[in-house]
Structure formats: structure tokens, C-alpha cells
Amino acid sequence: MPRQVFGSYTQEQLDAQYDQRSLVPDLEVYFERWREASKRAEDRLTVREAIAYGPDSNETLDVFPAASPGGGLHVHYHGGAWRALCSRDAWFIAEPWVAQGHSFVSVNFGLVPQVSLAAQVDQARRALVWCYENPADLGFESGRITVSGHSSGAYLASMAALVDWGESKKWQPDVQAVIIASGTYDLEPVRLSARNGYLKLTEAEALALSPVRLLKEQVPPCVVVWASQELQEFQRQSMEFAAALRRRGPVRRHAIESGSHFDTWDLIAPDLLSNFAPTSS
């Protein structure tokens, strides 16, 4: 009988639980949709591309300024299993934020395995600090920052905005609200899956880099998004993270009844934060 490696999962079953492609026969449909929508955003909006927030060539961010200065700033981290895509691929979600008076930032960062996951987390945090320290350059009112991320970007958004940075706490910006969609927040099962072939996490690193274990005592309002057609492990991770967050601040769970892991990226919009209130669901 095959050995169980996490919960009731055998190795083969756990590997499948962390491979979203198994539920989507043709990912190119999504990639093409995102490319086309991002090109439309580029054509319709003003964009300042590749602003450096750090010394490395991949430490840049793209800014879509609001029509008028003085509104809020929304900072977004793209997905891609920590090893694919770039900031440009997230341009397609800029329009609703700009339309509602926010400046929008899409963060670029190094990809695994060219950088370690710990280094990627550090880049995500330094990008947020840079934004916080440059409100005039980005055209937003100081302190008015919201954050979001999809998939591995939801993980990075959590590590930047929802956890205690420990020794770096004195540099940690406060944010007003967070939207995280279809992420993983406990890295131990990820470490035990085939994904660790490129993440190369030790058990200690997985513990030290899991946001569910590192949450601040008080978190900002947070919307946790997932789809009913996600893999079961992604649904479990979202539900358990939402429960952990609810003990520390207002949380809204937003589980859509149709669509897959890749459809939830489209949902990251300011309307999710409208009339925010904690729920008991």
C-alpha cells in the first residue's frame, strides 16, 4: 500500500494537489487572455514602466497613475508558481483600480530558482517599503495603501502585508486592506510535493516562510478568494488561512461557485473592498 506523506495523500496524490494544470487542459487560453487584456490596459492608460525599487535588474515596478493625485495606491504581486510570469502580465487588472481613483503598482521580482524563495519574499517586502516611502512620486496620499496577489503572488502579498517581519519590523509599512486569491499559506505540504524540486525548501525553511504561522497580532481587513473548482488543497489552504486571519482582524471569504484557480485573478478589483465588514461564515 502506498505510504501517506501528508494527511491522507500519497506522494502521487499530493503532487497532483499542487499541480493546477491538471484541472485546466489548455493554459495558453488564459495566457493569451491576460496578454490581450494587459495590452488593452497599456493602450488606454498611462504607465510608467520598470521603476527600480532595488539594485537588481528584476527589482522593478510598473505604475499606472490615477487621473488625479491624492487617492490611494494599490500594490499587486503576480502569480506564476514563484517561477514564471512578470509584472507586465498583471497589467490587465489595473483599470478598475485607476477608474476608482487609485494609482496601481504591479511588482516585478526575481523568479525561483534564479533566486531563493526567501530572497523573493525580501524583494516583495522591499517593493512595499519603497512604495510607502515615495507617495509623491507615485501620486497617492501617504499611508493609503492596499495590497493584493494571486496564487504565488497571494503568498507574497501575505508575507509582505499580513505577517510580522520580526527583526525588520521597524521598517514594516501598515496597509489598509489586502486581497489574496488562490494562494498557499502553509508551505509544509508544498515542501513535501513535487514543487520542492525547484523550491528546494528544508523543513525549517518551510516553517519559517509560512504566513499562516507568522501572522501579526492585528491584521488589516482581508478578502480571501478561491474557486469551487480549485484543487482541494488550495481550497483547504484558503479556508484555514481565512480562519486564522479572522482571529486577528476582519475577514471576508469570497468563494466563487464556478471557475478555476486561473479565473480568480480576474476578481481582484476594488469592489471586493467596498463596505468591508467581517463575516462569521
C-alpha atoms as a PDB file:
ATOM      1  CA  MET A   1       0.000   0.000   0.000  1.00  0.00           C
ATOM      2  CA  PRO A   2       1.454   3.451  -0.937  1.00  0.00           C
ATOM      3  CA  ARG A   3       2.738   5.475   2.023  1.00  0.00           C
ATOM      4  CA  GLN A   4       0.845   8.592   3.070  1.00  0.00           C
ATOM      5  CA  VAL A   5       3.128  11.648   3.053  1.00  0.00           C
ATOM      6  CA  PHE A   6       0.712  14.423   4.119  1.00  0.00           C
ATOM      7  CA  GLY A   7      -2.731  13.926   5.614  1.00  0.00           C
ATOM      8  CA  SER A   8      -4.348  11.110   3.685  1.00  0.00           C
ATOM      9  CA  TYR A   9      -2.375  11.836   0.494  1.00  0.00           C
ATOM     10  CA  THR A  10       0.176   9.511  -1.035  1.00  0.00           C
ATOM     11  CA  GLN A  11       3.127  11.129  -2.800  1.00  0.00           C
ATOM     12  CA  GLU A  12       1.415  10.887  -6.180  1.00  0.00           C
ATOM     13  CA  GLN A  13      -1.810  12.350  -4.829  1.00  0.00           C
ATOM     14  CA  LEU A  14      -0.051  15.227  -3.064  1.00  0.00           C
ATOM     15  CA  ASP A  15       1.936  16.065  -6.188  1.00  0.00           C
ATOM     16  CA  ALA A  16      -1.341  16.239  -8.125  1.00  0.00           C
ATOM     17  CA  GLN A  17      -2.894  18.501  -5.467  1.00  0.00           C
ATOM     18  CA  TYR A  18      -0.214  21.134  -6.111  1.00  0.00           C
ATOM     19  CA  ASP A  19      -0.376  20.979  -9.914  1.00  0.00           C
ATOM     20  CA  GLN A  20      -3.225  23.271 -11.024  1.00  0.00           C
ATOM     21  CA  ARG A  21      -2.573  22.430 -14.666  1.00  0.00           C
ATOM     22  CA  SER A  22      -4.167  19.037 -14.039  1.00  0.00           C
ATOM     23  CA  LEU A  23      -7.588  20.743 -13.973  1.00  0.00           C
ATOM     24  CA  VAL A  24      -7.046  23.066 -16.941  1.00  0.00           C
ATOM     25  CA  PRO A  25      -6.370  21.302 -20.261  1.00  0.00           C
ATOM     26  CA  ASP A  26      -5.087  24.388 -22.114  1.00  0.00           C
ATOM     27  CA  LEU A  27      -3.415  27.117 -20.078  1.00  0.00           C
ATOM     28  CA  GLU A  28      -2.498  29.033 -23.239  1.00  0.00           C
ATOM     29  CA  VAL A  29      -6.111  30.241 -23.369  1.00  0.00           C
ATOM     30  CA  TYR A  30      -5.516  32.082 -20.099  1.00  0.00           C
ATOM     31  CA  PHE A  31      -2.091  33.365 -21.064  1.00  0.00           C
ATOM     32  CA  GLU A  32      -3.476  34.800 -24.298  1.00  0.00           C
ATOM     33  CA  ARG A  33      -6.410  36.404 -22.491  1.00  0.00           C
ATOM     34  CA  TRP A  34      -4.083  38.039 -19.960  1.00  0.00           C
ATOM     35  CA  ARG A  35      -1.719  39.273 -22.692  1.00  0.00           C
ATOM     36  CA  GLU A  36      -4.549  40.798 -24.716  1.00  0.00           C
ATOM     37  CA  ALA A  37      -6.174  42.430 -21.688  1.00  0.00           C
ATOM     38  CA  SER A  38      -2.832  43.823 -20.490  1.00  0.00           C
ATOM     39  CA  LYS A  39      -2.200  45.280 -23.958  1.00  0.00           C
ATOM     40  CA  ARG A  40      -5.609  46.983 -23.838  1.00  0.00           C
ATOM     41  CA  ALA A  41      -4.745  48.448 -20.443  1.00  0.00           C
ATOM     42  CA  GLU A  42      -1.455  49.731 -21.843  1.00  0.00           C
ATOM     43  CA  ASP A  43      -3.283  51.361 -24.748  1.00  0.00           C
ATOM     44  CA  ARG A  44      -5.940  53.010 -22.594  1.00  0.00           C
ATOM     45  CA  LEU A  45      -3.950  54.052 -19.532  1.00  0.00           C
ATOM     46  CA  THR A  46      -0.735  55.871 -18.732  1.00  0.00           C
ATOM     47  CA  VAL A  47       2.004  53.554 -17.482  1.00  0.00           C
ATOM     48  CA  ARG A  48       5.468  54.215 -16.082  1.00  0.00           C
ATOM     49  CA  GLU A  49       7.351  51.002 -16.607  1.00  0.00           C
ATOM     50  CA  ALA A  50      10.302  49.428 -14.786  1.00  0.00           C
ATOM     51  CA  ILE A  51      10.853  51.870 -11.915  1.00  0.00           C
ATOM     52  CA  ALA A  52      13.630  50.499  -9.743  1.00  0.00           C
ATOM     53  CA  TYR A  53      12.933  49.733  -6.098  1.00  0.00           C
ATOM     54  CA  GLY A  54      16.235  47.887  -5.604  1.00  0.00           C
ATOM     55  CA  PRO A  55      19.654  47.334  -7.204  1.00  0.00           C
ATOM     56  CA  ASP A  56      18.928  44.130  -9.150  1.00  0.00           C
ATOM     57  CA  SER A  57      17.577  44.326 -12.691  1.00  0.00           C
ATOM     58  CA  ASN A  58      14.478  42.341 -11.735  1.00  0.00           C
ATOM     59  CA  GLU A  59      13.655  44.644  -8.794  1.00  0.00           C
ATOM     60  CA  THR A  60      11.301  46.976 -10.633  1.00  0.00           C
ATOM     61  CA  LEU A  61       7.685  48.019 -10.553  1.00  0.00           C
ATOM     62  CA  ASP A  62       5.223  49.371 -13.107  1.00  0.00           C
ATOM     63  CA  VAL A  63       2.955  52.261 -12.135  1.00  0.00           C
ATOM     64  CA  PHE A  64      -0.424  53.219 -13.571  1.00  0.00           C
ATOM     65  CA  PRO A  65      -1.024  56.641 -12.020  1.00  0.00           C
ATOM     66  CA  ALA A  66      -4.513  57.755 -11.095  1.00  0.00           C
ATOM     67  CA  ALA A  67      -6.005  60.549 -13.183  1.00  0.00           C
ATOM     68  CA  SER A  68      -5.702  62.883 -10.190  1.00  0.00           C
ATOM     69  CA  PRO A  69      -3.124  62.646  -7.384  1.00  0.00           C
ATOM     70  CA  GLY A  70      -4.083  62.216  -3.759  1.00  0.00           C
ATOM     71  CA  GLY A  71      -6.020  58.968  -3.865  1.00  0.00           C
ATOM     72  CA  GLY A  72      -4.882  55.568  -2.684  1.00  0.00           C
ATOM     73  CA  LEU A  73      -2.255  53.179  -4.016  1.00  0.00           C
ATOM     74  CA  HIS A  74      -2.879  49.534  -4.826  1.00  0.00           C
ATOM     75  CA  VAL A  75       0.174  47.223  -4.887  1.00  0.00           C
ATOM     76  CA  HIS A  76      -0.169  43.878  -6.693  1.00  0.00           C
ATOM     77  CA  TYR A  77       2.030  40.755  -6.786  1.00  0.00           C
ATOM     78  CA  HIS A  78       1.635  38.457  -9.800  1.00  0.00           C
ATOM     79  CA  GLY A  79       1.425  34.675  -9.618  1.00  0.00           C
ATOM     80  CA  GLY A  80       3.218  32.006 -11.609  1.00  0.00           C
ATOM     81  CA  ALA A  81       4.178  29.303  -9.087  1.00  0.00           C
ATOM     82  CA  TRP A  82       7.056  31.554  -7.904  1.00  0.00           C
ATOM     83  CA  ARG A  83       8.943  30.754 -11.129  1.00  0.00           C
ATOM     84  CA  ALA A  84       7.040  32.260 -14.062  1.00  0.00           C
ATOM     85  CA  LEU A  85       5.387  35.425 -15.436  1.00  0.00           C
ATOM     86  CA  CYS A  86       6.334  39.037 -14.703  1.00  0.00           C
ATOM     87  CA  SER A  87       4.824  42.333 -13.599  1.00  0.00           C
ATOM     88  CA  ARG A  88       3.565  43.106 -17.117  1.00  0.00           C
ATOM     89  CA  ASP A  89       1.317  40.043 -17.034  1.00  0.00           C
ATOM     90  CA  ALA A  90      -0.748  41.666 -14.269  1.00  0.00           C
ATOM     91  CA  TRP A  91      -1.441  44.933 -16.084  1.00  0.00           C
ATOM     92  CA  PHE A  92      -4.902  43.734 -17.056  1.00  0.00           C
ATOM     93  CA  ILE A  93      -6.245  44.243 -13.533  1.00  0.00           C
ATOM     94  CA  ALA A  94      -5.071  47.888 -13.338  1.00  0.00           C
ATOM     95  CA  GLU A  95      -8.096  49.516 -14.992  1.00  0.00           C
ATOM     96  CA  PRO A  96     -10.747  49.155 -12.258  1.00  0.00           C
ATOM     97  CA  TRP A  97      -8.316  50.489  -9.656  1.00  0.00           C
ATOM     98  CA  VAL A  98      -7.382  53.520 -11.737  1.00  0.00           C
ATOM     99  CA  ALA A  99     -11.053  54.109 -12.590  1.00  0.00           C
ATOM    100  CA  GLN A 100     -11.840  54.353  -8.875  1.00  0.00           C
ATOM    101  CA  GLY A 101      -9.078  56.872  -8.185  1.00  0.00           C
ATOM    102  CA  HIS A 102      -6.201  54.615  -7.135  1.00  0.00           C
ATOM    103  CA  SER A 103      -2.719  54.522  -8.542  1.00  0.00           C
ATOM    104  CA  PHE A 104      -1.850  50.914  -9.378  1.00  0.00           C
ATOM    105  CA  VAL A 105       1.544  49.220  -8.999  1.00  0.00           C
ATOM    106  CA  SER A 106       2.495  45.833 -10.434  1.00  0.00           C
ATOM    107  CA  VAL A 107       5.612  44.484  -8.718  1.00  0.00           C
ATOM    108  CA  ASN A 108       8.368  42.592 -10.519  1.00  0.00           C
ATOM    109  CA  PHE A 109      10.792  40.298  -8.685  1.00  0.00           C
ATOM    110  CA  GLY A 110      13.308  37.541  -9.279  1.00  0.00           C
ATOM    111  CA  LEU A 111      11.991  34.087 -10.087  1.00  0.00           C
ATOM    112  CA  VAL A 112      12.803  30.758  -8.440  1.00  0.00           C
ATOM    113  CA  PRO A 113      15.244  29.024  -8.858  1.00  0.00           C
ATOM    114  CA  GLN A 114      17.328  32.000 -10.030  1.00  0.00           C
ATOM    115  CA  VAL A 115      16.577  33.469  -6.591  1.00  0.00           C
ATOM    116  CA  SER A 116      15.551  31.627  -3.436  1.00  0.00           C
ATOM    117  CA  LEU A 117      12.034  31.902  -2.068  1.00  0.00           C
ATOM    118  CA  ALA A 118      13.414  33.805   0.930  1.00  0.00           C
ATOM    119  CA  ALA A 119      15.033  36.314  -1.443  1.00  0.00           C
ATOM    120  CA  GLN A 120      11.761  36.662  -3.357  1.00  0.00           C
ATOM    121  CA  VAL A 121       9.935  37.437  -0.103  1.00  0.00           C
ATOM    122  CA  ASP A 122      12.582  40.048   0.710  1.00  0.00           C
ATOM    123  CA  GLN A 123      12.034  41.667  -2.690  1.00  0.00           C
ATOM    124  CA  ALA A 124       8.265  41.730  -2.161  1.00  0.00           C
ATOM    125  CA  ARG A 125       8.747  43.497   1.155  1.00  0.00           C
ATOM    126  CA  ARG A 126      11.289  45.988  -0.141  1.00  0.00           C
ATOM    127  CA  ALA A 127       8.956  46.895  -3.005  1.00  0.00           C
ATOM    128  CA  LEU A 128       6.206  47.669  -0.493  1.00  0.00           C
ATOM    129  CA  VAL A 129       8.598  49.759   1.616  1.00  0.00           C
ATOM    130  CA  TRP A 130       9.702  51.689  -1.483  1.00  0.00           C
ATOM    131  CA  CYS A 131       6.082  52.465  -2.356  1.00  0.00           C
ATOM    132  CA  TYR A 132       5.334  53.541   1.207  1.00  0.00           C
ATOM    133  CA  GLU A 133       8.310  55.892   1.210  1.00  0.00           C
ATOM    134  CA  ASN A 134       7.554  57.504  -2.181  1.00  0.00           C
ATOM    135  CA  PRO A 135       3.939  58.731  -2.133  1.00  0.00           C
ATOM    136  CA  ALA A 136       4.706  61.930  -4.010  1.00  0.00           C
ATOM    137  CA  ASP A 137       6.484  60.090  -6.822  1.00  0.00           C
ATOM    138  CA  LEU A 138       3.611  57.602  -7.159  1.00  0.00           C
ATOM    139  CA  GLY A 139       0.852  60.190  -6.778  1.00  0.00           C
ATOM    140  CA  PHE A 140      -1.037  58.840  -3.768  1.00  0.00           C
ATOM    141  CA  GLU A 141      -1.919  60.076  -0.303  1.00  0.00           C
ATOM    142  CA  SER A 142       0.641  58.927   2.239  1.00  0.00           C
ATOM    143  CA  GLY A 143      -0.407  55.834   4.161  1.00  0.00           C
ATOM    144  CA  ARG A 144      -3.291  54.872   1.855  1.00  0.00           C
ATOM    145  CA  ILE A 145      -2.024  51.535   0.511  1.00  0.00           C
ATOM    146  CA  THR A 146      -3.906  48.349  -0.283  1.00  0.00           C
ATOM    147  CA  VAL A 147      -2.245  45.124  -1.415  1.00  0.00           C
ATOM    148  CA  SER A 148      -3.224  42.069  -3.438  1.00  0.00           C
ATOM    149  CA  GLY A 149      -1.795  38.944  -5.021  1.00  0.00           C
ATOM    150  CA  HIS A 150      -2.863  35.884  -6.981  1.00  0.00           C
ATOM    151  CA  SER A 151      -1.600  32.313  -6.497  1.00  0.00           C
ATOM    152  CA  SER A 152       2.088  32.521  -5.508  1.00  0.00           C
ATOM    153  CA  GLY A 153       1.541  36.294  -5.557  1.00  0.00           C
ATOM    154  CA  ALA A 154      -1.102  35.830  -2.839  1.00  0.00           C
ATOM    155  CA  TYR A 155       1.610  34.138  -0.796  1.00  0.00           C
ATOM    156  CA  LEU A 156       3.960  37.097  -1.391  1.00  0.00           C
ATOM    157  CA  ALA A 157       1.218  39.615  -0.573  1.00  0.00           C
ATOM    158  CA  SER A 158       0.636  37.762   2.710  1.00  0.00           C
ATOM    159  CA  MET A 159       4.330  37.742   3.560  1.00  0.00           C
ATOM    160  CA  ALA A 160       4.542  41.471   2.805  1.00  0.00           C
ATOM    161  CA  ALA A 161       1.344  42.736   4.402  1.00  0.00           C
ATOM    162  CA  LEU A 162      -0.052  40.222   6.899  1.00  0.00           C
ATOM    163  CA  VAL A 163       2.863  38.732   8.827  1.00  0.00           C
ATOM    164  CA  ASP A 164       5.217  40.064  11.460  1.00  0.00           C
ATOM    165  CA  TRP A 165       8.603  40.776   9.863  1.00  0.00           C
ATOM    166  CA  GLY A 166      10.382  40.135  13.125  1.00  0.00           C
ATOM    167  CA  GLU A 167      13.717  41.936  13.329  1.00  0.00           C
ATOM    168  CA  SER A 168      12.769  44.073  10.298  1.00  0.00           C
ATOM    169  CA  LYS A 169       9.562  45.263  11.980  1.00  0.00           C
ATOM    170  CA  LYS A 170      10.666  48.879  12.310  1.00  0.00           C
ATOM    171  CA  TRP A 171      10.613  49.134   8.507  1.00  0.00           C
ATOM    172  CA  GLN A 172       7.277  47.363   8.043  1.00  0.00           C
ATOM    173  CA  PRO A 173       4.598  49.562   6.447  1.00  0.00           C
ATOM    174  CA  ASP A 174       0.984  49.381   7.504  1.00  0.00           C
ATOM    175  CA  VAL A 175      -1.587  48.727   4.785  1.00  0.00           C
ATOM    176  CA  GLN A 176      -5.300  49.446   4.799  1.00  0.00           C
ATOM    177  CA  ALA A 177      -6.624  46.227   3.262  1.00  0.00           C
ATOM    178  CA  VAL A 178      -5.492  43.060   1.467  1.00  0.00           C
ATOM    179  CA  ILE A 179      -6.991  40.817  -1.229  1.00  0.00           C
ATOM    180  CA  ILE A 180      -5.444  37.367  -1.660  1.00  0.00           C
ATOM    181  CA  ALA A 181      -6.685  34.932  -4.308  1.00  0.00           C
ATOM    182  CA  SER A 182      -5.974  31.205  -4.669  1.00  0.00           C
ATOM    183  CA  GLY A 183      -2.775  31.128  -2.663  1.00  0.00           C
ATOM    184  CA  THR A 184      -0.861  28.715  -0.467  1.00  0.00           C
ATOM    185  CA  TYR A 185      -0.139  29.883   3.049  1.00  0.00           C
ATOM    186  CA  ASP A 186       1.370  26.797   4.705  1.00  0.00           C
ATOM    187  CA  LEU A 187       4.464  25.603   2.847  1.00  0.00           C
ATOM    188  CA  GLU A 188       4.900  22.261   4.588  1.00  0.00           C
ATOM    189  CA  PRO A 189       2.678  20.290   2.160  1.00  0.00           C
ATOM    190  CA  VAL A 190       4.210  22.245  -0.704  1.00  0.00           C
ATOM    191  CA  ARG A 191       7.663  21.186   0.501  1.00  0.00           C
ATOM    192  CA  LEU A 192       6.556  17.573   0.535  1.00  0.00           C
ATOM    193  CA  SER A 193       5.187  17.806  -3.020  1.00  0.00           C
ATOM    194  CA  ALA A 194       6.943  17.734  -6.376  1.00  0.00           C
ATOM    195  CA  ARG A 195       7.149  21.531  -6.276  1.00  0.00           C
ATOM    196  CA  ASN A 196      10.045  21.272  -3.904  1.00  0.00           C
ATOM    197  CA  GLY A 197      12.103  20.074  -6.839  1.00  0.00           C
ATOM    198  CA  TYR A 198      12.593  23.752  -7.675  1.00  0.00           C
ATOM    199  CA  LEU A 199      11.757  25.459  -4.359  1.00  0.00           C
ATOM    200  CA  LYS A 200      14.323  23.313  -2.506  1.00  0.00           C
ATOM    201  CA  LEU A 201      12.935  24.170   0.922  1.00  0.00           C
ATOM    202  CA  THR A 202      14.138  22.458   4.056  1.00  0.00           C
ATOM    203  CA  GLU A 203      11.629  21.653   6.780  1.00  0.00           C
ATOM    204  CA  ALA A 204      12.919  24.589   8.823  1.00  0.00           C
ATOM    205  CA  GLU A 205      12.646  26.973   5.863  1.00  0.00           C
ATOM    206  CA  ALA A 206       9.088  25.861   5.115  1.00  0.00           C
ATOM    207  CA  LEU A 207       8.125  26.633   8.707  1.00  0.00           C
ATOM    208  CA  ALA A 208       9.946  29.972   8.721  1.00  0.00           C
ATOM    209  CA  LEU A 209       8.351  31.065   5.436  1.00  0.00           C
ATOM    210  CA  SER A 210       4.736  30.019   6.039  1.00  0.00           C
ATOM    211  CA  PRO A 211       2.480  33.065   6.568  1.00  0.00           C
ATOM    212  CA  VAL A 212      -0.138  31.082   8.493  1.00  0.00           C
ATOM    213  CA  ARG A 213       2.480  30.654  11.246  1.00  0.00           C
ATOM    214  CA  LEU A 214       3.693  34.258  11.238  1.00  0.00           C
ATOM    215  CA  LEU A 215       0.608  36.462  11.322  1.00  0.00           C
ATOM    216  CA  LYS A 216       0.669  39.839  13.034  1.00  0.00           C
ATOM    217  CA  GLU A 217      -1.365  40.158  16.213  1.00  0.00           C
ATOM    218  CA  GLN A 218      -3.688  42.548  14.369  1.00  0.00           C
ATOM    219  CA  VAL A 219      -4.119  42.231  10.607  1.00  0.00           C
ATOM    220  CA  PRO A 220      -5.812  44.704   8.253  1.00  0.00           C
ATOM    221  CA  PRO A 221      -9.155  43.853   6.646  1.00  0.00           C
ATOM    222  CA  CYS A 222      -8.579  40.940   4.287  1.00  0.00           C
ATOM    223  CA  VAL A 223     -10.581  39.290   1.491  1.00  0.00           C
ATOM    224  CA  VAL A 224      -9.636  35.649   0.845  1.00  0.00           C
ATOM    225  CA  VAL A 225     -10.706  34.449  -2.617  1.00  0.00           C
ATOM    226  CA  TRP A 226     -10.823  30.968  -4.098  1.00  0.00           C
ATOM    227  CA  ALA A 227     -12.875  28.947  -6.590  1.00  0.00           C
ATOM    228  CA  SER A 228     -15.004  25.866  -6.030  1.00  0.00           C
ATOM    229  CA  GLN A 229     -13.118  24.186  -8.880  1.00  0.00           C
ATOM    230  CA  GLU A 230      -9.739  24.729  -7.251  1.00  0.00           C
ATOM    231  CA  LEU A 231      -7.779  21.674  -6.239  1.00  0.00           C
ATOM    232  CA  GLN A 232      -8.833  20.524  -2.780  1.00  0.00           C
ATOM    233  CA  GLU A 233      -5.543  21.521  -1.161  1.00  0.00           C
ATOM    234  CA  PHE A 234      -5.867  25.095  -2.445  1.00  0.00           C
ATOM    235  CA  GLN A 235      -9.417  25.278  -1.087  1.00  0.00           C
ATOM    236  CA  ARG A 236      -8.287  23.894   2.262  1.00  0.00           C
ATOM    237  CA  GLN A 237      -5.367  26.328   2.472  1.00  0.00           C
ATOM    238  CA  SER A 238      -7.663  29.285   1.720  1.00  0.00           C
ATOM    239  CA  MET A 239     -10.298  28.266   4.261  1.00  0.00           C
ATOM    240  CA  GLU A 240      -7.787  27.571   7.027  1.00  0.00           C
ATOM    241  CA  PHE A 241      -5.889  30.803   6.374  1.00  0.00           C
ATOM    242  CA  ALA A 242      -9.150  32.779   6.447  1.00  0.00           C
ATOM    243  CA  ALA A 243      -9.944  31.189   9.799  1.00  0.00           C
ATOM    244  CA  ALA A 244      -6.504  32.116  11.165  1.00  0.00           C
ATOM    245  CA  LEU A 245      -6.875  35.688   9.914  1.00  0.00           C
ATOM    246  CA  ARG A 246     -10.335  36.042  11.442  1.00  0.00           C
ATOM    247  CA  ARG A 247      -8.817  35.627  14.892  1.00  0.00           C
ATOM    248  CA  ARG A 248      -6.699  38.745  14.232  1.00  0.00           C
ATOM    249  CA  GLY A 249      -8.884  41.071  12.185  1.00  0.00           C
ATOM    250  CA  PRO A 250     -11.864  41.462   9.863  1.00  0.00           C
ATOM    251  CA  VAL A 251     -12.018  38.871   7.079  1.00  0.00           C
ATOM    252  CA  ARG A 252     -14.344  38.239   4.171  1.00  0.00           C
ATOM    253  CA  ARG A 253     -14.323  34.867   2.443  1.00  0.00           C
ATOM    254  CA  HIS A 254     -15.144  35.073  -1.276  1.00  0.00           C
ATOM    255  CA  ALA A 255     -15.576  31.591  -2.721  1.00  0.00           C
ATOM    256  CA  ILE A 256     -16.861  31.576  -6.293  1.00  0.00           C
ATOM    257  CA  GLU A 257     -19.028  28.680  -7.405  1.00  0.00           C
ATOM    258  CA  SER A 258     -17.678  28.462 -10.946  1.00  0.00           C
ATOM    259  CA  GLY A 259     -14.276  28.875 -12.499  1.00  0.00           C
ATOM    260  CA  SER A 260     -10.846  27.535 -11.696  1.00  0.00           C
ATOM    261  CA  HIS A 261      -7.651  28.634  -9.985  1.00  0.00           C
ATOM    262  CA  PHE A 262      -6.809  30.767 -13.010  1.00  0.00           C
ATOM    263  CA  ASP A 263     -10.155  32.597 -13.091  1.00  0.00           C
ATOM    264  CA  THR A 264      -9.777  34.136  -9.642  1.00  0.00           C
ATOM    265  CA  TRP A 265      -7.086  36.545 -10.864  1.00  0.00           C
ATOM    266  CA  ASP A 266      -9.794  38.467 -12.727  1.00  0.00           C
ATOM    267  CA  LEU A 267     -11.665  39.093  -9.487  1.00  0.00           C
ATOM    268  CA  ILE A 268      -9.036  41.287  -7.835  1.00  0.00           C
ATOM    269  CA  ALA A 269     -10.796  44.644  -8.018  1.00  0.00           C
ATOM    270  CA  PRO A 270     -11.653  47.475  -5.605  1.00  0.00           C
ATOM    271  CA  ASP A 271     -15.297  46.408  -5.416  1.00  0.00           C
ATOM    272  CA  LEU A 272     -14.198  43.481  -3.228  1.00  0.00           C
ATOM    273  CA  LEU A 273     -13.277  46.013  -0.555  1.00  0.00           C
ATOM    274  CA  SER A 274     -16.500  48.029  -0.771  1.00  0.00           C
ATOM    275  CA  ASN A 275     -18.406  48.317   2.519  1.00  0.00           C
ATOM    276  CA  PHE A 276     -15.981  45.895   4.080  1.00  0.00           C
ATOM    277  CA  ALA A 277     -17.129  44.168   7.246  1.00  0.00           C
ATOM    278  CA  PRO A 278     -16.036  40.950   8.946  1.00  0.00           C
ATOM    279  CA  THR A 279     -18.279  37.934   8.448  1.00  0.00           C
ATOM    280  CA  SER A 280     -18.999  34.941  10.596  1.00  0.00           C
ATOM    281  CA  SER A 281     -19.048  32.471   7.687  1.00  0.00           C
END
